[in-house]
């Protein structure tokens, strides 16, 4: 009986950790904060494919959400994502541990704990990076599949894991980095490296939509310093990154970071991980492939700290380089490496000490003791959208007048009372059915950073000119295809009526109002070659994904039939 319990512990432990993290978040309502924005029903629109003047920051994740929320609704999908991140991460590490054969199930449970319960997870979840975190959860599965691809098997599972990483651009880059390091490592038959092409095609929707824009996808150089990794009290930025923290936004850092006990335990975990990686390397040289990926991740994380001016010039002149400005988010290969190393060190310790189960359970709980703040939601809370939003959505959808809308005030983030004054990326662009001109200027550390969408910039400039000079921005808005203004009443600021005299109020509620501009919005044309390129990218990615799915499903059925 004891042997059976020990055997099933690694598979049950991720479930326990998931419950400890997410249980309070499963109450009715939406969990929204910073970049985590789910709405009752995200409408399928052209901009979700990346056919827009804005950078494809939510491609393909928003399109996947728009398709899946038709099944169970946005609230269910919101909860499912929150549960799947720690659960898939833990189960993936369990499966990878069995593949690596570095120790028993108790040592594997220690590796699982560190991968599920660490500062990176706590900070990025609170920052709302749900699509990135689903890619993080897929990373152990990707490494496991890549190791199998080296043996000539498992290519379909490899592509499915790569597809989960590709939900967002940064996750896709992380997945490609890890996959490339493992499959190009000496010892892999060149004929077995072709799945890398499939992984690249899975990233084509965001890559093509970003690079094929009619304007250069460059970034405000000031954003490098604004999004640089931070010291959280661990003796510098590098030690902070090595202890798996360092996010740019101090408001999402767990309060325990930098306290004496978490600090000591953080360095104990780091030391044990280094010892365990050395043990793994002595058993299998493929460990060095993951070490290389982790080193690259740390270099990217440190770029904005050690060479801010040079890096600023890169993001200002190289299209797409701004994707790397928030370097700390590329740490998952390091987290994966340290988790494996931690488990391997625990396995070696258990071979040399008495009271093995007591020592093992202590080691399993060390990451939790080092970060108690991740328990019970990690700072995330459940909220409800105001009731008048649904009515405003219907009024806007039913009106035949053409045009996109702009949110008012024209700012990217809100701190609404219905969300407990917790900052959140403006939900209006997803909540309402019409396409929006999205404000993409960010205020970080009191400094306004320029956005990348030229259409949004024209609208912002027109509104600022109206505030300064009293000029009427209606003509400019109509030229940019704007036909509507949706006002967040709680956000305060001047009323649009004072700046745009030619407005017709079509709905007014306690928290939201909808105005129609008097005039005909100009149609916004998209170059046919741009549309063709983006659709070709989506077709290629869908083809790879479907091929992997139709290969995996029959195999699963045959495996069940043999049981």
Protein backbone atom coordinates (compact mmCIF):
# COMPACT_ATOMS: atom_id res chain seq x y z
CA UNK A 1 0.00 0.00 0.00
CA UNK A 2 2.85 2.37 0.90
CA UNK A 3 4.53 1.68 -2.44
CA UNK A 4 1.33 2.46 -4.32
CA UNK A 5 0.92 5.73 -2.39
CA UNK A 6 4.50 6.72 -3.18
CA UNK A 7 3.99 5.88 -6.84
CA UNK A 8 0.90 8.05 -7.18
CA UNK A 9 2.16 10.94 -5.03
CA UNK A 10 3.78 12.87 -7.92
CA UNK A 11 0.53 12.78 -9.92
CA UNK A 12 -1.64 13.84 -6.99
CA UNK A 13 0.73 16.50 -5.69
CA UNK A 14 0.16 18.91 -8.63
CA UNK A 15 -3.56 18.70 -7.91
CA UNK A 16 -2.97 19.65 -4.26
CA UNK A 17 -0.76 22.59 -5.25
CA UNK A 18 -3.35 23.76 -7.78
CA UNK A 19 -6.09 23.73 -5.15
CA UNK A 20 -3.89 25.66 -2.70
CA UNK A 21 -3.26 28.36 -5.30
CA UNK A 22 -6.59 28.69 -7.08
CA UNK A 23 -9.38 27.59 -4.69
CA UNK A 24 -10.56 31.12 -3.73
CA UNK A 25 -10.50 32.19 -7.38
CA UNK A 26 -13.12 29.66 -8.40
CA UNK A 27 -15.97 31.61 -6.80
CA UNK A 28 -18.50 33.15 -9.23
CA UNK A 29 -17.12 36.15 -11.08
CA UNK A 30 -14.15 37.14 -13.20
CA UNK A 31 -10.51 37.25 -12.16
CA UNK A 32 -9.09 40.24 -14.00
CA UNK A 33 -5.96 42.23 -13.27
CA UNK A 34 -3.29 43.94 -15.33
CA UNK A 35 -3.09 41.92 -18.60
CA UNK A 36 -5.52 39.18 -17.55
CA UNK A 37 -8.80 40.31 -19.11
CA UNK A 38 -11.63 37.86 -19.71
CA UNK A 39 -15.14 38.99 -20.65
CA UNK A 40 -18.46 37.11 -20.91
CA UNK A 41 -18.19 36.74 -24.69
CA UNK A 42 -15.25 37.88 -26.80
CA UNK A 43 -16.62 38.55 -30.28
CA UNK A 44 -14.77 37.06 -33.25
CA UNK A 45 -13.43 40.06 -35.17
CA UNK A 46 -10.83 40.85 -37.81
CA UNK A 47 -8.39 42.39 -35.36
CA UNK A 48 -8.11 39.11 -33.43
CA UNK A 49 -6.30 37.65 -36.44
CA UNK A 50 -3.70 40.41 -36.30
CA UNK A 51 -5.07 42.27 -39.35
CA UNK A 52 -4.67 45.68 -37.76
CA UNK A 53 -2.18 48.52 -37.44
CA UNK A 54 -1.34 47.52 -33.85
CA UNK A 55 1.35 45.04 -32.86
CA UNK A 56 -0.10 41.53 -32.41
CA UNK A 57 0.38 41.34 -28.65
CA UNK A 58 -2.67 39.09 -28.14
CA UNK A 59 -2.22 36.93 -31.27
CA UNK A 60 -3.22 34.13 -31.35
CA UNK A 61 -4.44 33.96 -27.74
CA UNK A 62 -7.45 36.28 -28.16
CA UNK A 63 -8.69 34.36 -31.19
CA UNK A 64 -8.48 31.09 -29.23
CA UNK A 65 -10.45 32.71 -26.41
CA UNK A 66 -13.10 34.00 -28.85
CA UNK A 67 -13.58 30.46 -30.17
CA UNK A 68 -13.50 28.61 -26.85
CA UNK A 69 -15.74 30.95 -24.86
CA UNK A 70 -18.57 29.94 -27.20
CA UNK A 71 -18.50 26.55 -25.46
CA UNK A 72 -18.65 27.46 -21.77
CA UNK A 73 -18.57 31.24 -21.61
CA UNK A 74 -15.80 33.63 -20.69
CA UNK A 75 -16.13 33.13 -16.94
CA UNK A 76 -15.65 29.36 -17.22
CA UNK A 77 -12.69 29.86 -19.53
CA UNK A 78 -11.18 32.34 -17.06
CA UNK A 79 -11.38 29.75 -14.28
CA UNK A 80 -10.10 26.97 -16.52
CA UNK A 81 -6.98 28.96 -17.42
CA UNK A 82 -6.23 29.69 -13.78
CA UNK A 83 -6.48 26.00 -12.92
CA UNK A 84 -4.62 24.73 -15.98
CA UNK A 85 -1.49 26.83 -15.41
CA UNK A 86 -0.34 25.16 -12.17
CA UNK A 87 -1.96 21.81 -12.95
CA UNK A 88 -0.39 21.34 -16.39
CA UNK A 89 2.93 22.68 -15.11
CA UNK A 90 2.96 20.16 -12.27
CA UNK A 91 1.80 17.21 -14.32
CA UNK A 92 4.30 18.11 -17.05
CA UNK A 93 7.16 18.16 -14.57
CA UNK A 94 5.98 14.81 -13.20
CA UNK A 95 6.01 13.29 -16.68
CA UNK A 96 9.41 14.85 -17.45
CA UNK A 97 10.87 13.54 -14.19
CA UNK A 98 9.86 10.01 -15.10
CA UNK A 99 11.45 10.50 -18.51
CA UNK A 100 14.75 11.73 -17.04
CA UNK A 101 15.01 8.94 -14.41
CA UNK A 102 16.98 11.11 -12.01
CA UNK A 103 15.38 9.82 -8.81
CA UNK A 104 12.30 8.49 -7.13
CA UNK A 105 8.82 9.96 -6.83
CA UNK A 106 9.54 11.91 -3.63
CA UNK A 107 12.44 13.75 -5.26
CA UNK A 108 10.19 14.27 -8.28
CA UNK A 109 7.58 15.87 -6.02
CA UNK A 110 10.24 18.36 -4.88
CA UNK A 111 10.96 19.26 -8.51
CA UNK A 112 7.23 19.65 -9.13
CA UNK A 113 6.82 21.98 -6.16
CA UNK A 114 9.58 24.30 -7.27
CA UNK A 115 8.29 24.47 -10.84
CA UNK A 116 4.72 25.22 -9.73
CA UNK A 117 5.52 27.33 -6.66
CA UNK A 118 8.16 29.98 -7.33
CA UNK A 119 8.46 33.79 -7.61
CA UNK A 120 8.26 33.76 -11.40
CA UNK A 121 4.84 32.08 -11.29
CA UNK A 122 3.61 34.37 -8.52
CA UNK A 123 4.72 37.58 -10.25
CA UNK A 124 3.63 36.71 -13.75
CA UNK A 125 0.23 35.39 -12.68
CA UNK A 126 -0.46 38.56 -10.73
CA UNK A 127 0.70 40.58 -13.73
CA UNK A 128 -2.00 38.74 -15.69
CA UNK A 129 0.27 37.03 -18.24
CA UNK A 130 -2.04 34.03 -18.56
CA UNK A 131 -1.10 33.10 -22.14
CA UNK A 132 2.60 33.25 -21.30
CA UNK A 133 1.95 31.09 -18.24
CA UNK A 134 0.15 28.44 -20.28
CA UNK A 135 3.29 28.30 -22.41
CA UNK A 136 5.29 28.02 -19.19
CA UNK A 137 3.10 25.09 -18.15
CA UNK A 138 3.75 23.43 -21.52
CA UNK A 139 7.55 23.75 -21.26
CA UNK A 140 8.20 20.47 -19.35
CA UNK A 141 6.00 18.68 -21.88
CA UNK A 142 8.00 20.30 -24.68
CA UNK A 143 11.34 19.21 -23.21
CA UNK A 144 10.06 15.68 -22.67
CA UNK A 145 8.79 15.50 -26.24
CA UNK A 146 12.02 16.98 -27.62
CA UNK A 147 14.02 14.28 -25.87
CA UNK A 148 11.77 11.70 -27.48
CA UNK A 149 12.12 13.34 -30.88
CA UNK A 150 15.88 12.85 -30.53
CA UNK A 151 15.12 9.13 -30.32
CA UNK A 152 12.88 9.26 -33.38
CA UNK A 153 9.46 9.36 -31.70
CA UNK A 154 6.95 11.77 -30.17
CA UNK A 155 6.92 14.47 -32.87
CA UNK A 156 3.15 15.02 -32.58
CA UNK A 157 3.37 15.64 -28.83
CA UNK A 158 6.27 17.99 -29.48
CA UNK A 159 4.17 20.08 -31.86
CA UNK A 160 1.20 20.20 -29.47
CA UNK A 161 3.44 21.46 -26.66
CA UNK A 162 4.99 23.99 -29.05
CA UNK A 163 1.47 25.17 -29.97
CA UNK A 164 0.72 25.88 -26.30
CA UNK A 165 3.93 27.93 -26.04
CA UNK A 166 2.96 29.87 -29.18
CA UNK A 167 -0.21 31.30 -27.61
CA UNK A 168 1.79 34.49 -27.21
CA UNK A 169 4.87 35.86 -28.89
CA UNK A 170 7.16 35.71 -25.86
CA UNK A 171 6.01 32.17 -25.06
CA UNK A 172 6.67 31.16 -28.64
CA UNK A 173 10.20 32.57 -28.46
CA UNK A 174 10.83 30.65 -25.23
CA UNK A 175 9.52 27.42 -26.71
CA UNK A 176 11.60 27.82 -29.87
CA UNK A 177 14.70 28.59 -27.79
CA UNK A 178 14.34 25.44 -25.72
CA UNK A 179 13.39 23.22 -28.65
CA UNK A 180 16.25 24.49 -30.79
CA UNK A 181 18.80 24.00 -28.00
CA UNK A 182 17.73 20.38 -27.45
CA UNK A 183 17.19 19.26 -31.05
CA UNK A 184 20.31 20.94 -32.42
CA UNK A 185 22.47 19.56 -29.64
CA UNK A 186 25.06 17.06 -30.92
CA UNK A 187 23.72 13.56 -31.10
CA UNK A 188 20.44 14.34 -32.83
CA UNK A 189 20.08 12.85 -36.30
CA UNK A 190 19.58 15.72 -38.77
CA UNK A 191 16.52 13.91 -40.17
CA UNK A 192 14.86 14.17 -36.75
CA UNK A 193 15.11 17.96 -36.55
CA UNK A 194 12.28 18.69 -38.96
CA UNK A 195 9.71 19.23 -36.13
CA UNK A 196 11.51 22.53 -35.51
CA UNK A 197 10.04 23.74 -38.79
CA UNK A 198 6.58 22.80 -37.55
CA UNK A 199 7.21 24.69 -34.30
CA UNK A 200 8.26 27.75 -36.29
CA UNK A 201 5.09 27.58 -38.40
CA UNK A 202 2.97 27.42 -35.24
CA UNK A 203 4.42 30.83 -34.35
CA UNK A 204 3.73 32.25 -37.80
CA UNK A 205 0.44 34.07 -36.94
CA UNK A 206 2.03 36.53 -34.50
CA UNK A 207 5.34 36.64 -36.33
CA UNK A 208 3.91 37.50 -39.76
CA UNK A 209 1.29 39.87 -38.34
CA UNK A 210 4.08 41.74 -36.57
CA UNK A 211 6.70 41.85 -39.29
CA UNK A 212 4.34 42.41 -42.23
CA UNK A 213 2.85 45.63 -40.90
CA UNK A 214 3.09 48.65 -43.14
CA UNK A 215 4.97 50.57 -40.42
CA UNK A 216 8.17 49.57 -38.65
CA UNK A 217 7.50 47.59 -35.48
CA UNK A 218 9.95 49.60 -33.40
CA UNK A 219 9.62 50.55 -29.75
CA UNK A 220 10.17 53.60 -27.54
CA UNK A 221 13.80 53.28 -26.32
CA UNK A 222 12.75 54.58 -22.88
CA UNK A 223 10.82 51.34 -22.36
CA UNK A 224 14.09 49.41 -21.89
CA UNK A 225 14.79 51.05 -18.53
CA UNK A 226 11.10 51.05 -17.59
CA UNK A 227 10.77 47.29 -18.09
CA UNK A 228 14.23 46.28 -16.87
CA UNK A 229 14.50 43.55 -14.23
CA UNK A 230 14.71 44.74 -10.61
CA UNK A 231 16.56 43.77 -7.46
CA UNK A 232 14.08 42.42 -4.91
CA UNK A 233 16.50 42.52 -1.98
CA UNK A 234 18.70 39.61 -3.02
CA UNK A 235 21.98 41.49 -3.43
CA UNK A 236 21.53 42.65 -7.01
CA UNK A 237 19.52 42.00 -10.14
CA UNK A 238 21.46 38.87 -11.13
CA UNK A 239 20.91 37.07 -7.79
CA UNK A 240 17.27 38.14 -7.96
CA UNK A 241 16.90 36.56 -11.39
CA UNK A 242 18.73 33.43 -10.27
CA UNK A 243 16.26 33.10 -7.42
CA UNK A 244 13.53 33.34 -10.09
CA UNK A 245 12.19 36.85 -9.41
CA UNK A 246 12.94 40.33 -10.71
CA UNK A 247 9.77 41.43 -12.50
CA UNK A 248 9.74 45.11 -13.53
CA UNK A 249 6.53 45.96 -11.66
CA UNK A 250 7.16 46.24 -7.91
CA UNK A 251 3.41 46.16 -7.21
CA UNK A 252 3.09 42.49 -8.16
CA UNK A 253 6.08 41.24 -6.15
CA UNK A 254 5.04 39.02 -3.18
CA UNK A 255 5.54 40.85 0.10
CA UNK A 256 7.72 38.02 1.45
CA UNK A 257 10.39 38.50 -1.21
CA UNK A 258 13.55 39.81 0.40
CA UNK A 259 12.54 38.84 3.96
CA UNK A 260 15.16 36.87 5.88
CA UNK A 261 13.69 33.36 5.76
CA UNK A 262 12.59 33.49 2.09
CA UNK A 263 15.97 35.00 1.19
CA UNK A 264 17.90 32.20 2.92
CA UNK A 265 15.65 29.51 1.49
CA UNK A 266 15.90 31.06 -1.96
CA UNK A 267 19.67 30.73 -1.97
CA UNK A 268 19.47 27.22 -0.47
CA UNK A 269 17.23 26.22 -3.37
CA UNK A 270 19.63 27.84 -5.85
CA UNK A 271 22.64 26.02 -4.37
CA UNK A 272 20.83 22.69 -4.35
CA UNK A 273 19.71 23.27 -7.95
CA UNK A 274 23.29 23.91 -9.10
CA UNK A 275 24.45 20.69 -7.42
CA UNK A 276 21.57 18.77 -8.98
CA UNK A 277 22.28 20.14 -12.47
CA UNK A 278 25.88 18.95 -12.13
CA UNK A 279 24.58 15.49 -11.15
CA UNK A 280 22.24 15.46 -14.15
CA UNK A 281 25.04 16.53 -16.47
CA UNK A 282 27.25 13.68 -15.27
CA UNK A 283 24.45 11.25 -16.12
CA UNK A 284 23.41 12.79 -19.44
CA UNK A 285 25.24 15.48 -21.41
CA UNK A 286 21.93 16.68 -22.88
CA UNK A 287 21.55 18.66 -19.65
CA UNK A 288 23.94 21.18 -21.15
CA UNK A 289 21.37 22.04 -23.85
CA UNK A 290 18.98 23.27 -21.18
CA UNK A 291 21.87 25.06 -19.43
CA UNK A 292 22.57 26.94 -22.67
CA UNK A 293 18.89 27.93 -22.99
CA UNK A 294 18.85 29.06 -19.36
CA UNK A 295 22.01 31.13 -19.80
CA UNK A 296 20.51 32.85 -22.84
CA UNK A 297 17.38 33.57 -20.79
CA UNK A 298 19.46 35.19 -18.04
CA UNK A 299 21.44 37.23 -20.58
CA UNK A 300 18.18 38.56 -22.05
CA UNK A 301 16.92 39.29 -18.55
CA UNK A 302 20.09 41.26 -17.74
CA UNK A 303 20.32 43.16 -21.05
CA UNK A 304 18.23 46.10 -19.89
CA UNK A 305 20.33 46.33 -16.72
CA UNK A 306 23.93 46.00 -17.91
CA UNK A 307 23.56 47.69 -21.32
CA UNK A 308 20.45 49.88 -21.18
CA UNK A 309 21.65 52.48 -23.71
CA UNK A 310 22.83 49.98 -26.30
CA UNK A 311 19.69 47.88 -25.88
CA UNK A 312 17.55 51.02 -26.17
CA UNK A 313 19.07 51.72 -29.58
CA UNK A 314 18.34 48.17 -30.65
CA UNK A 315 14.63 48.32 -29.77
CA UNK A 316 14.37 51.80 -31.35
CA UNK A 317 15.72 50.69 -34.73
CA UNK A 318 15.26 46.91 -35.08
CA UNK A 319 11.65 45.90 -35.83
CA UNK A 320 10.35 43.42 -33.27
CA UNK A 321 13.24 43.85 -30.82
CA UNK A 322 10.89 45.50 -28.35
CA UNK A 323 9.57 42.02 -27.68
CA UNK A 324 12.68 41.52 -25.52
CA UNK A 325 12.40 44.72 -23.45
CA UNK A 326 10.77 42.87 -20.55
CA UNK A 327 13.65 40.42 -20.27
CA UNK A 328 12.60 38.81 -17.00
CA UNK A 329 9.65 37.10 -18.64
CA UNK A 330 12.08 34.89 -20.59
CA UNK A 331 13.23 33.07 -17.44
CA UNK A 332 11.18 29.82 -17.87
CA UNK A 333 14.17 27.79 -19.19
CA UNK A 334 16.04 28.78 -16.02
CA UNK A 335 13.05 27.86 -13.83
CA UNK A 336 12.83 24.49 -15.58
CA UNK A 337 16.55 23.87 -15.17
CA UNK A 338 16.57 24.78 -11.48
CA UNK A 339 13.49 22.64 -10.80
CA UNK A 340 15.11 19.58 -12.37
CA UNK A 341 18.34 20.32 -10.53
CA UNK A 342 16.51 20.73 -7.22
CA UNK A 343 14.84 17.37 -7.66
CA UNK A 344 18.12 15.71 -8.61
CA UNK A 345 19.84 17.17 -5.53
CA UNK A 346 17.03 15.90 -3.29
CA UNK A 347 17.33 12.45 -4.90
CA UNK A 348 21.07 12.40 -4.13
CA UNK A 349 20.44 13.57 -0.56
CA UNK A 350 17.90 10.82 0.04
CA UNK A 351 20.51 8.22 -0.83
CA UNK A 352 22.77 9.43 1.99
CA UNK A 353 20.50 10.28 4.93
CA UNK A 354 18.28 8.36 7.34
CA UNK A 355 14.62 9.22 7.81
CA UNK A 356 14.28 9.53 4.06
CA UNK A 357 10.57 10.28 3.97
CA UNK A 358 10.86 13.06 6.57
CA UNK A 359 13.76 14.65 4.70
CA UNK A 360 11.93 14.30 1.40
CA UNK A 361 8.74 15.90 2.66
CA UNK A 362 10.74 18.75 4.15
CA UNK A 363 12.44 19.34 0.80
CA UNK A 364 9.08 19.22 -0.97
CA UNK A 365 7.74 21.99 1.26
CA UNK A 366 10.80 24.28 1.09
CA UNK A 367 9.63 26.23 -2.02
CA UNK A 368 6.27 26.86 -0.32
CA UNK A 369 7.99 28.09 2.84
CA UNK A 370 10.12 30.41 0.70
CA UNK A 371 6.99 31.95 -0.94
CA UNK A 372 3.90 31.70 1.29
CA UNK A 373 2.23 34.57 -0.57
CA UNK A 374 1.34 32.42 -3.57
CA UNK A 375 -1.24 30.51 -1.52
CA UNK A 376 -4.94 31.28 -1.90
CA UNK A 377 -4.76 33.32 -5.06
CA UNK A 378 -1.43 35.08 -4.75
CA UNK A 379 -3.11 38.49 -4.63
CA UNK A 380 -5.65 37.82 -7.37
CA UNK A 381 -9.32 38.48 -6.56
CA UNK A 382 -12.75 37.76 -8.04
CA UNK A 383 -14.81 40.65 -9.44
CA UNK A 384 -18.06 41.28 -11.33
CA UNK A 385 -18.57 43.51 -14.34
CA UNK A 386 -21.18 46.27 -13.74
CA UNK A 387 -24.66 45.35 -14.87
CA UNK A 388 -24.98 48.33 -17.23
CA UNK A 389 -22.04 47.12 -19.34
CA UNK A 390 -24.18 44.33 -20.82
CA UNK A 391 -26.90 46.80 -21.83
CA UNK A 392 -24.35 49.19 -23.35
CA UNK A 393 -22.83 46.28 -25.28
CA UNK A 394 -26.20 45.39 -26.77
CA UNK A 395 -27.01 48.99 -27.71
CA UNK A 396 -23.67 49.37 -29.46
CA UNK A 397 -24.07 46.05 -31.29
CA UNK A 398 -27.60 46.82 -32.51
CA UNK A 399 -26.94 50.32 -33.85
CA UNK A 400 -26.41 50.27 -37.66
CA UNK A 401 -24.10 53.28 -37.61
CA UNK A 402 -20.63 52.30 -38.84
CA UNK A 403 -17.29 52.89 -37.19
CA UNK A 404 -14.91 51.64 -34.54
CA UNK A 405 -14.99 52.99 -31.00
CA UNK A 406 -12.45 54.53 -28.68
CA UNK A 407 -12.53 54.07 -24.89
CA UNK A 408 -12.73 57.22 -22.80
CA UNK A 409 -10.46 58.26 -21.16
CA UNK A 410 -8.08 57.20 -23.91
CA UNK A 411 -5.69 55.31 -21.60
CA UNK A 412 -4.54 51.69 -21.64
CA UNK A 413 -5.16 50.79 -17.99
CA UNK A 414 -7.94 51.35 -15.47
CA UNK A 415 -8.28 50.91 -11.70
CA UNK A 416 -12.09 50.56 -11.43
CA UNK A 417 -14.00 50.29 -8.16
CA UNK A 418 -15.74 47.12 -9.39
CA UNK A 419 -12.29 45.50 -9.48
CA UNK A 420 -11.32 46.71 -6.02
CA UNK A 421 -9.19 49.49 -7.56
CA UNK A 422 -6.78 46.84 -8.83
CA UNK A 423 -5.18 47.93 -12.13
CA UNK A 424 -6.42 46.17 -15.24
CA UNK A 425 -5.91 46.57 -18.97
CA UNK A 426 -9.05 48.34 -20.20
CA UNK A 427 -11.63 45.54 -20.71
CA UNK A 428 -13.79 47.61 -23.06
CA UNK A 429 -11.97 46.61 -26.23
CA UNK A 430 -12.79 42.95 -25.49
CA UNK A 431 -16.15 43.42 -23.80
CA UNK A 432 -17.87 45.29 -26.64
CA UNK A 433 -18.56 43.71 -30.00
CA UNK A 434 -17.18 46.48 -32.20
CA UNK A 435 -13.52 46.83 -32.99
CA UNK A 436 -11.70 49.47 -30.95
CA UNK A 437 -8.81 51.81 -31.56
CA UNK A 438 -6.74 50.66 -28.61
CA UNK A 439 -4.59 53.14 -26.66
CA UNK A 440 -1.15 51.55 -26.40
CA UNK A 441 0.82 54.28 -24.66
CA UNK A 442 1.91 53.06 -21.22
CA UNK A 443 2.67 55.03 -18.07
CA UNK A 444 5.47 53.29 -16.14
CA UNK A 445 7.15 54.94 -13.16
CA UNK A 446 5.37 58.21 -13.91
CA UNK A 447 6.75 58.34 -17.47
CA UNK A 448 4.59 57.99 -20.57
CA UNK A 449 6.02 55.53 -23.10
CA UNK A 450 5.12 55.90 -26.76
CA UNK A 451 3.03 53.16 -28.34
CA UNK A 452 3.62 51.36 -31.63
CA UNK A 453 0.22 51.69 -33.34
CA UNK A 454 0.26 54.72 -35.70
CA UNK A 455 -3.54 54.90 -35.78
CA UNK A 456 -3.71 55.03 -32.00
CA UNK A 457 -1.00 57.71 -31.97
CA UNK A 458 -3.01 59.95 -34.34
CA UNK A 459 -6.09 59.64 -32.11
CA UNK A 460 -4.08 60.34 -28.93
CA UNK A 461 -2.43 63.40 -30.48
CA UNK A 462 -5.79 64.77 -31.61
CA UNK A 463 -7.27 64.37 -28.14
CA UNK A 464 -4.25 65.99 -26.48
CA UNK A 465 -4.45 68.91 -28.91
CA UNK A 466 -8.12 69.30 -27.99
CA UNK A 467 -7.21 69.53 -24.31
CA UNK A 468 -4.38 72.04 -24.91
CA UNK A 469 -5.89 74.23 -27.62
CA UNK A 470 -9.60 73.59 -27.47
CA UNK A 471 -9.64 72.30 -31.07
CA UNK A 472 -12.39 69.91 -32.14
CA UNK A 473 -10.90 66.43 -32.81
CA UNK A 474 -14.05 65.12 -34.51
CA UNK A 475 -12.67 65.39 -38.05
CA UNK A 476 -9.49 63.51 -37.15
CA UNK A 477 -11.45 60.79 -35.34
CA UNK A 478 -13.76 60.30 -38.31
CA UNK A 479 -10.76 60.08 -40.64
CA UNK A 480 -9.37 57.32 -38.44
CA UNK A 481 -12.61 55.36 -38.72
CA UNK A 482 -13.89 56.24 -35.24
CA UNK A 483 -17.65 56.43 -35.00
CA UNK A 484 -18.22 55.84 -31.30
CA UNK A 485 -16.94 56.81 -27.85
CA UNK A 486 -17.52 54.50 -24.89
CA UNK A 487 -17.01 56.34 -21.61
CA UNK A 488 -15.82 54.74 -18.39
CA UNK A 489 -17.63 57.10 -16.05
CA UNK A 490 -15.81 55.91 -12.92
CA UNK A 491 -12.42 56.73 -14.47
CA UNK A 492 -13.13 60.44 -14.12
CA UNK A 493 -11.56 63.11 -16.27
CA UNK A 494 -13.27 65.62 -18.56
CA UNK A 495 -16.47 64.67 -20.30
CA UNK A 496 -16.20 64.04 -24.05
CA UNK A 497 -19.09 66.46 -24.54
CA UNK A 498 -16.78 69.30 -23.56
CA UNK A 499 -14.25 68.41 -26.25
CA UNK A 500 -16.44 67.02 -29.03
CA UNK A 501 -19.59 69.12 -29.47
CA UNK A 502 -20.92 66.88 -32.24
CA UNK A 503 -21.90 63.88 -30.13
CA UNK A 504 -25.17 61.98 -29.74
CA UNK A 505 -25.74 60.09 -26.52
CA UNK A 506 -27.23 56.65 -27.22
CA UNK A 507 -26.85 55.07 -23.78
CA UNK A 508 -26.08 56.27 -20.26
CA UNK A 509 -25.72 54.02 -17.24
CA UNK A 510 -24.21 54.37 -13.76
CA UNK A 511 -20.72 53.30 -14.89
CA UNK A 512 -20.67 53.48 -18.69
CA UNK A 513 -22.01 55.77 -21.41
CA UNK A 514 -22.04 55.39 -25.19
CA UNK A 515 -21.83 58.32 -27.63
CA UNK A 516 -22.04 58.39 -31.43
CA UNK A 517 -20.02 60.88 -33.45
CA UNK A 518 -22.09 62.92 -35.90
CA UNK A 519 -20.53 62.21 -39.25
CA UNK A 520 -19.47 59.35 -41.48
CA UNK A 521 -16.34 57.45 -40.36
CA UNK A 522 -13.84 56.84 -43.14
CA UNK A 523 -13.36 53.19 -44.11
CA UNK A 524 -10.02 51.81 -42.94
CA UNK A 525 -8.38 49.90 -45.74
CA UNK A 526 -5.89 47.10 -45.24
CA UNK A 527 -3.40 46.20 -47.93
CA UNK A 528 -4.50 42.96 -49.66
CA UNK A 529 -0.98 41.53 -49.50
CA UNK A 530 -0.98 42.07 -45.72
CA UNK A 531 -4.26 40.20 -45.33
CA UNK A 532 -3.02 37.41 -47.59
CA UNK A 533 0.23 37.06 -45.64
CA UNK A 534 -1.54 36.90 -42.28
CA UNK A 535 -4.13 34.41 -43.52
CA UNK A 536 -1.37 32.26 -45.03
CA UNK A 537 0.38 32.24 -41.64
CA UNK A 538 -2.82 31.18 -39.89
CA UNK A 539 -3.39 28.46 -42.49
CA UNK A 540 0.10 27.08 -42.04
CA UNK A 541 -0.19 27.07 -38.23
CA UNK A 542 -3.62 25.45 -38.34
CA UNK A 543 -2.36 22.80 -40.74
CA UNK A 544 0.50 21.86 -38.41
CA UNK A 545 -1.79 21.77 -35.38
CA UNK A 546 -4.44 19.65 -37.10
CA UNK A 547 -1.81 17.22 -38.36
CA UNK A 548 -0.47 16.77 -34.83
CA UNK A 549 -3.95 16.29 -33.40
CA UNK A 550 -5.06 13.66 -35.89
CA UNK A 551 -1.83 11.80 -35.21
CA UNK A 552 -2.10 11.89 -31.42
CA UNK A 553 -5.79 10.97 -31.01
CA UNK A 554 -5.64 7.52 -32.69
CA UNK A 555 -2.53 6.68 -30.67
CA UNK A 556 -4.33 7.54 -27.42
CA UNK A 557 -7.26 5.35 -28.40
CA UNK A 558 -4.98 2.42 -29.22
CA UNK A 559 -3.18 2.87 -25.90
CA UNK A 560 -6.48 2.74 -23.98
CA UNK A 561 -7.59 -0.36 -25.89
CA UNK A 562 -4.48 -2.19 -24.69
CA UNK A 563 -5.21 -1.43 -21.03
